[in-house]
C-alpha atoms as a PDB file:
ATOM      1  CA  UNK A   1       7.533 -10.094 -10.777  1.00  0.00           C
ATOM      2  CA  UNK A   2       6.169 -13.521  -9.953  1.00  0.00           C
ATOM      3  CA  UNK A   3       3.345 -14.173  -7.512  1.00  0.00           C
ATOM      4  CA  UNK A   4       5.813 -15.877  -5.173  1.00  0.00           C
ATOM      5  CA  UNK A   5       8.452 -13.406  -3.977  1.00  0.00           C
ATOM      6  CA  UNK A   6      12.128 -14.239  -4.192  1.00  0.00           C
ATOM      7  CA  UNK A   7      13.691 -15.129  -0.857  1.00  0.00           C
ATOM      8  CA  UNK A   8      16.912 -13.971   0.669  1.00  0.00           C
ATOM      9  CA  UNK A   9      18.416 -15.085   3.950  1.00  0.00           C
ATOM     10  CA  UNK A  10      19.615 -12.474   6.405  1.00  0.00           C
ATOM     11  CA  UNK A  11      23.086 -14.027   6.139  1.00  0.00           C
ATOM     12  CA  UNK A  12      23.059 -13.657   2.328  1.00  0.00           C
ATOM     13  CA  UNK A  13      21.856 -10.090   2.703  1.00  0.00           C
ATOM     14  CA  UNK A  14      24.859  -9.325   4.925  1.00  0.00           C
ATOM     15  CA  UNK A  15      27.265 -10.935   2.464  1.00  0.00           C
ATOM     16  CA  UNK A  16      25.674  -9.772  -0.797  1.00  0.00           C
ATOM     17  CA  UNK A  17      23.848  -6.556   0.055  1.00  0.00           C
ATOM     18  CA  UNK A  18      25.055  -4.653  -3.035  1.00  0.00           C
ATOM     19  CA  UNK A  19      23.996  -7.519  -5.300  1.00  0.00           C
ATOM     20  CA  UNK A  20      20.602  -7.781  -3.567  1.00  0.00           C
ATOM     21  CA  UNK A  21      19.984  -4.044  -3.919  1.00  0.00           C
ATOM     22  CA  UNK A  22      20.869  -4.073  -7.601  1.00  0.00           C
ATOM     23  CA  UNK A  23      18.523  -7.042  -8.151  1.00  0.00           C
ATOM     24  CA  UNK A  24      15.600  -5.158  -6.627  1.00  0.00           C
ATOM     25  CA  UNK A  25      14.808  -3.344  -9.863  1.00  0.00           C
ATOM     26  CA  UNK A  26      14.067  -6.748 -11.438  1.00  0.00           C
ATOM     27  CA  UNK A  27      12.612  -8.664  -8.508  1.00  0.00           C
ATOM     28  CA  UNK A  28      10.765  -5.730  -6.844  1.00  0.00           C
ATOM     29  CA  UNK A  29      10.514  -7.707  -3.593  1.00  0.00           C
ATOM     30  CA  UNK A  30      12.654 -10.069  -1.547  1.00  0.00           C
ATOM     31  CA  UNK A  31      11.224 -11.933   1.404  1.00  0.00           C
ATOM     32  CA  UNK A  32      13.890 -11.946   4.140  1.00  0.00           C
ATOM     33  CA  UNK A  33      14.309 -15.234   5.973  1.00  0.00           C
ATOM     34  CA  UNK A  34      15.913 -15.782   9.347  1.00  0.00           C
ATOM     35  CA  UNK A  35      16.186 -19.360  10.588  1.00  0.00           C
ATOM     36  CA  UNK A  36      14.080 -20.393   7.572  1.00  0.00           C
ATOM     37  CA  UNK A  37      11.187 -18.174   8.706  1.00  0.00           C
ATOM     38  CA  UNK A  38       9.964 -14.951   7.056  1.00  0.00           C
ATOM     39  CA  UNK A  39      11.098 -11.972   9.155  1.00  0.00           C
ATOM     40  CA  UNK A  40      10.840  -8.999   6.813  1.00  0.00           C
ATOM     41  CA  UNK A  41      10.970  -7.747   3.261  1.00  0.00           C
ATOM     42  CA  UNK A  42      13.280  -5.786   1.034  1.00  0.00           C
ATOM     43  CA  UNK A  43      11.213  -3.754  -1.439  1.00  0.00           C
ATOM     44  CA  UNK A  44      12.102  -1.683  -4.501  1.00  0.00           C
ATOM     45  CA  UNK A  45      11.284   1.975  -3.781  1.00  0.00           C
ATOM     46  CA  UNK A  46       9.164   2.500  -6.918  1.00  0.00           C
ATOM     47  CA  UNK A  47       7.249  -0.689  -6.175  1.00  0.00           C
ATOM     48  CA  UNK A  48       6.640   0.521  -2.607  1.00  0.00           C
ATOM     49  CA  UNK A  49       5.266   3.827  -3.912  1.00  0.00           C
ATOM     50  CA  UNK A  50       2.942   1.931  -6.253  1.00  0.00           C
ATOM     51  CA  UNK A  51       1.720  -0.238  -3.363  1.00  0.00           C
ATOM     52  CA  UNK A  52       1.098   2.833  -1.195  1.00  0.00           C
ATOM     53  CA  UNK A  53      -0.921   4.526  -3.942  1.00  0.00           C
ATOM     54  CA  UNK A  54      -2.961   1.374  -4.501  1.00  0.00           C
ATOM     55  CA  UNK A  55      -3.653   1.143  -0.764  1.00  0.00           C
ATOM     56  CA  UNK A  56      -4.750   4.794  -0.637  1.00  0.00           C
ATOM     57  CA  UNK A  57      -7.077   4.144  -3.586  1.00  0.00           C
ATOM     58  CA  UNK A  58      -8.483   1.123  -1.748  1.00  0.00           C
ATOM     59  CA  UNK A  59      -9.139   3.229   1.389  1.00  0.00           C
ATOM     60  CA  UNK A  60     -10.866   5.868  -0.764  1.00  0.00           C
ATOM     61  CA  UNK A  61     -13.116   3.184  -2.244  1.00  0.00           C
ATOM     62  CA  UNK A  62     -14.010   1.912   1.234  1.00  0.00           C
ATOM     63  CA  UNK A  63     -14.889   5.458   2.335  1.00  0.00           C
ATOM     64  CA  UNK A  64     -16.996   5.990  -0.791  1.00  0.00           C
ATOM     65  CA  UNK A  65     -18.824   2.693  -0.205  1.00  0.00           C
ATOM     66  CA  UNK A  66     -19.797   3.927   3.279  1.00  0.00           C
ATOM     67  CA  UNK A  67     -21.304   7.144   1.940  1.00  0.00           C
ATOM     68  CA  UNK A  68     -22.768   6.145  -1.414  1.00  0.00           C
ATOM     69  CA  UNK A  69     -26.203   5.328   0.014  1.00  0.00           C
ATOM     70  CA  UNK A  70     -26.450   8.301   2.368  1.00  0.00           C
ATOM     71  CA  UNK A  71     -29.376  10.636   1.873  1.00  0.00           C
ATOM     72  CA  UNK A  72     -28.503  13.745  -0.123  1.00  0.00           C
ATOM     73  CA  UNK A  73     -30.183  17.139  -0.138  1.00  0.00           C
ATOM     74  CA  UNK A  74     -30.002  19.998  -2.614  1.00  0.00           C
ATOM     75  CA  UNK A  75     -27.768  22.998  -1.991  1.00  0.00           C
ATOM     76  CA  UNK A  76     -30.844  25.208  -1.610  1.00  0.00           C
ATOM     77  CA  UNK A  77     -32.325  22.884   1.012  1.00  0.00           C
ATOM     78  CA  UNK A  78     -28.992  22.849   2.888  1.00  0.00           C
ATOM     79  CA  UNK A  79     -28.825  26.658   2.920  1.00  0.00           C
ATOM     80  CA  UNK A  80     -32.419  26.861   4.162  1.00  0.00           C
ATOM     81  CA  UNK A  81     -31.777  24.366   6.975  1.00  0.00           C
ATOM     82  CA  UNK A  82     -28.503  26.018   8.027  1.00  0.00           C
ATOM     83  CA  UNK A  83     -30.271  29.423   8.280  1.00  0.00           C
ATOM     84  CA  UNK A  84     -32.820  27.903  10.679  1.00  0.00           C
ATOM     85  CA  UNK A  85     -30.016  26.720  12.982  1.00  0.00           C
ATOM     86  CA  UNK A  86     -28.559  30.227  13.405  1.00  0.00           C
END
């Protein structure tokens, strides 16, 4: 897949939908144009799954970055403090 996605007009999609769908395995992504402006995308299902997993990994990294510098305590200290609260 190139860095610049292939484009497909909405009109061409109507006329050549079977051909566009079969080309998805190669292209992975078509940018849909309406009146020469991007309006949507047609994405290969496996490529979409890969993008979703990468996004979830990214969110996990952001969450880790928030907590990496938080103060930690030992399990024994935690048990002792939680007993005091009861």
